[in-house]
Amino acid sequence: MSLGLTQMDTQVYVYLAKMGPRKEKDLANALKINKNQLCFSIENLVAKGMVSISFERSEKYSAVALEKVLNDFMKQTKQQAKTLKTRRTELISTWHSIIEDCSST
């Protein structure tokens, strides 16, 4: 959940990690959820780099190793912190300008 996952995302990821690659239909049946819910969850997991899609004979979803997911998450978080640190002075200056403009009207 600390990675920004919903309960459904977590269930899908854990199931794929335990059971291996699965087709959408099989995954929906196993988790007893409708395909629309599953599609939304899979899109979220793919966007976060936690699930990959293979297109061999048919489309299958696989969990990406948690170690890789965490490493990627940490790299992204470090980069965001670095960017924020670089822009800190500019952001504070802009904030003070906004506040001053509001108080003078």
Protein backbone atom coordinates (compact mmCIF):
# COMPACT_ATOMS: atom_id res chain seq x y z
CA MET A 1 0.00 0.00 0.00
CA SER A 2 2.93 2.39 0.66
CA LEU A 3 3.74 2.15 -3.05
CA GLY A 4 0.42 3.79 -3.90
CA LEU A 5 -1.47 0.57 -4.55
CA THR A 6 -5.12 -0.12 -3.98
CA GLN A 7 -6.19 -3.28 -2.20
CA MET A 8 -7.16 -4.71 -5.60
CA ASP A 9 -3.73 -3.85 -7.07
CA THR A 10 -2.09 -5.60 -4.14
CA GLN A 11 -4.23 -8.74 -4.61
CA VAL A 12 -3.43 -8.88 -8.33
CA TYR A 13 0.30 -8.36 -7.78
CA VAL A 14 0.56 -10.92 -4.98
CA TYR A 15 -1.43 -13.48 -6.97
CA LEU A 16 0.78 -13.06 -10.03
CA ALA A 17 3.92 -13.23 -7.89
CA LYS A 18 2.75 -16.49 -6.29
CA MET A 19 1.13 -18.18 -9.27
CA GLY A 20 3.17 -16.91 -12.22
CA PRO A 21 2.00 -15.48 -15.55
CA ARG A 22 -1.76 -15.53 -16.17
CA LYS A 23 -4.21 -14.53 -18.86
CA GLU A 24 -6.73 -11.83 -18.04
CA LYS A 25 -9.67 -14.24 -18.01
CA ASP A 26 -7.92 -16.71 -15.70
CA LEU A 27 -6.81 -13.93 -13.39
CA ALA A 28 -10.32 -12.46 -13.16
CA ASN A 29 -11.80 -15.88 -12.41
CA ALA A 30 -9.19 -16.76 -9.79
CA LEU A 31 -9.60 -13.45 -7.96
CA LYS A 32 -13.37 -13.39 -8.47
CA ILE A 33 -13.40 -9.87 -9.90
CA ASN A 34 -14.90 -8.48 -13.09
CA LYS A 35 -12.70 -7.69 -16.06
CA ASN A 36 -13.22 -3.92 -15.81
CA GLN A 37 -11.85 -3.86 -12.26
CA LEU A 38 -9.00 -6.08 -13.32
CA CYS A 39 -8.12 -3.93 -16.35
CA PHE A 40 -7.96 -0.79 -14.21
CA SER A 41 -5.75 -2.54 -11.67
CA ILE A 42 -3.44 -4.02 -14.31
CA GLU A 43 -3.06 -0.62 -16.00
CA ASN A 44 -2.02 0.86 -12.66
CA LEU A 45 0.45 -1.96 -11.98
CA VAL A 46 1.95 -1.77 -15.47
CA ALA A 47 2.33 2.02 -15.13
CA LYS A 48 4.18 1.49 -11.83
CA GLY A 49 6.46 -1.12 -13.43
CA MET A 50 5.12 -3.88 -11.19
CA VAL A 51 3.51 -6.03 -13.87
CA SER A 52 4.74 -6.83 -17.35
CA ILE A 53 2.76 -8.04 -20.34
CA SER A 54 3.93 -10.74 -22.73
CA PHE A 55 2.40 -11.24 -26.14
CA GLU A 56 3.59 -14.71 -27.06
CA ARG A 57 0.61 -16.87 -28.06
CA SER A 58 -1.81 -14.83 -26.02
CA GLU A 59 -1.54 -11.85 -23.72
CA LYS A 60 -0.29 -12.81 -20.26
CA TYR A 61 0.52 -10.72 -17.21
CA SER A 62 3.49 -11.34 -14.92
CA ALA A 63 4.62 -9.81 -11.65
CA VAL A 64 7.95 -8.01 -11.80
CA ALA A 65 10.31 -9.05 -8.98
CA LEU A 66 9.69 -6.99 -5.84
CA GLU A 67 13.42 -6.24 -5.57
CA LYS A 68 13.36 -4.53 -8.98
CA VAL A 69 10.13 -2.69 -8.16
CA LEU A 70 11.61 -1.33 -4.92
CA ASN A 71 14.91 -0.37 -6.57
CA ASP A 72 13.06 1.50 -9.32
CA PHE A 73 10.79 3.20 -6.75
CA MET A 74 13.80 4.32 -4.70
CA LYS A 75 15.59 5.69 -7.79
CA GLN A 76 12.47 7.61 -8.79
CA THR A 77 11.98 8.99 -5.27
CA LYS A 78 15.63 10.07 -5.06
CA GLN A 79 15.33 11.82 -8.43
CA GLN A 80 12.17 13.63 -7.32
CA ALA A 81 13.90 14.76 -4.11
CA LYS A 82 16.91 15.96 -6.09
CA THR A 83 14.67 17.95 -8.45
CA LEU A 84 12.77 19.48 -5.53
CA LYS A 85 16.03 20.43 -3.80
CA THR A 86 17.26 22.09 -7.01
CA ARG A 87 14.03 24.09 -7.42
CA ARG A 88 13.49 24.83 -3.70
CA THR A 89 14.66 28.46 -3.78
CA GLU A 90 12.64 29.21 -6.91
CA LEU A 91 9.50 27.63 -5.46
CA ILE A 92 9.79 29.51 -2.17
CA SER A 93 10.35 32.80 -4.01
CA THR A 94 7.30 32.19 -6.19
CA TRP A 95 5.24 31.29 -3.11
CA HIS A 96 6.21 34.50 -1.32
CA SER A 97 5.30 36.52 -4.45
CA ILE A 98 1.87 34.89 -4.55
CA ILE A 99 1.27 35.53 -0.84
CA GLU A 100 2.37 39.16 -1.12
CA ASP A 101 0.13 39.74 -4.16
CA CYS A 102 -2.85 38.30 -2.26
CA SER A 103 -2.26 40.40 0.85
CA SER A 104 -1.94 43.65 -1.11
CA THR A 105 -5.36 43.33 -2.76
